[in-house]
Amino acid sequence: MGMAAGEIEALIRAAIPDAQVTIEDLAGDSDHYAATVVSERFRGLSRVKQHQMVYAALRGRMGGQLHALALQTSAPDEEIRA
């Protein structure tokens, strides 16, 4: 089934409007992606909370349309967290 990288980015930006989002298709199959998401909204939140925000933005598509997402998140000027 799969998802387009642009669709993933649009969903994340809709939920986290200030996010800087980079999406990479890892396998060329529109089903395995890496995403880097940087947002001021992540400041002071644990890595788990940051990732939960991104997964919530995907509106239940993880495990269905989107099989795998390697996720790195951070607030601006903070170290990226995997």
Protein backbone atom coordinates (compact mmCIF):
# COMPACT_ATOMS: atom_id res chain seq x y z
CA MET A 1 0.00 0.00 0.00
CA GLY A 2 2.51 2.65 1.14
CA MET A 3 2.42 6.41 1.49
CA ALA A 4 4.07 9.24 -0.39
CA ALA A 5 6.77 11.17 1.47
CA GLY A 6 4.84 14.38 0.81
CA GLU A 7 1.77 12.96 2.52
CA ILE A 8 3.77 12.07 5.63
CA GLU A 9 5.30 15.55 5.71
CA ALA A 10 1.89 17.21 5.23
CA LEU A 11 0.35 15.25 8.12
CA ILE A 12 3.21 16.16 10.45
CA ARG A 13 3.11 19.84 9.44
CA ALA A 14 -0.67 19.96 9.90
CA ALA A 15 -0.32 18.77 13.50
CA ILE A 16 2.95 20.58 14.27
CA PRO A 17 2.85 23.74 12.12
CA ASP A 18 6.32 25.05 13.04
CA ALA A 19 8.01 21.72 12.30
CA GLN A 20 10.99 21.44 10.01
CA VAL A 21 10.46 18.03 8.43
CA THR A 22 12.84 15.92 6.35
CA ILE A 23 11.60 12.61 4.96
CA GLU A 24 13.79 9.95 3.33
CA ASP A 25 12.44 6.83 1.60
CA LEU A 26 14.83 4.18 2.91
CA ALA A 27 13.90 1.28 0.63
CA GLY A 28 12.35 2.96 -2.39
CA ASP A 29 9.07 1.20 -1.65
CA SER A 30 7.02 4.06 -0.13
CA ASP A 31 6.69 1.95 2.99
CA HIS A 32 9.96 2.40 4.94
CA TYR A 33 10.95 5.96 5.80
CA ALA A 34 13.26 7.96 8.01
CA ALA A 35 11.98 11.29 9.32
CA THR A 36 13.75 14.11 11.08
CA VAL A 37 11.38 16.53 12.80
CA VAL A 38 12.54 19.71 14.53
CA SER A 39 9.99 21.81 16.41
CA GLU A 40 9.95 24.34 19.22
CA ARG A 41 6.99 22.39 20.61
CA PHE A 42 9.41 19.59 21.51
CA ARG A 43 11.43 21.78 23.88
CA GLY A 44 11.45 20.30 27.38
CA LEU A 45 9.63 17.13 26.32
CA SER A 46 11.08 13.66 26.63
CA ARG A 47 12.03 11.79 23.48
CA VAL A 48 9.05 9.49 24.05
CA LYS A 49 6.63 12.46 24.19
CA GLN A 50 8.19 13.98 21.07
CA HIS A 51 7.79 10.74 19.15
CA GLN A 52 4.22 10.31 20.41
CA MET A 53 3.38 13.74 18.99
CA VAL A 54 4.71 12.72 15.57
CA TYR A 55 2.93 9.35 15.63
CA ALA A 56 -0.32 11.07 16.63
CA ALA A 57 0.11 13.38 13.64
CA LEU A 58 0.12 10.33 11.36
CA ARG A 59 -3.46 9.59 12.44
CA GLY A 60 -3.24 5.81 12.80
CA ARG A 61 -1.38 5.14 9.55
CA MET A 62 1.61 3.54 11.31
CA GLY A 63 1.49 -0.22 10.93
CA GLY A 64 -1.02 0.04 8.10
CA GLN A 65 -0.24 2.33 5.19
CA LEU A 66 3.16 3.13 6.70
CA HIS A 67 5.11 0.07 7.76
CA ALA A 68 8.25 1.61 9.26
CA LEU A 69 9.37 5.08 10.31
CA ALA A 70 12.84 5.69 11.76
CA LEU A 71 12.24 8.86 13.71
CA GLN A 72 14.61 11.54 15.00
CA THR A 73 13.21 14.55 16.85
CA SER A 74 14.52 17.66 18.57
CA ALA A 75 13.78 21.24 19.46
CA PRO A 76 15.72 23.82 17.43
CA ASP A 77 19.38 24.08 18.45
CA GLU A 78 19.19 20.85 20.46
CA GLU A 79 20.87 17.58 19.66
CA ILE A 80 18.77 15.31 17.41
CA ARG A 81 17.39 12.35 19.33
CA ALA A 82 16.68 9.00 17.71
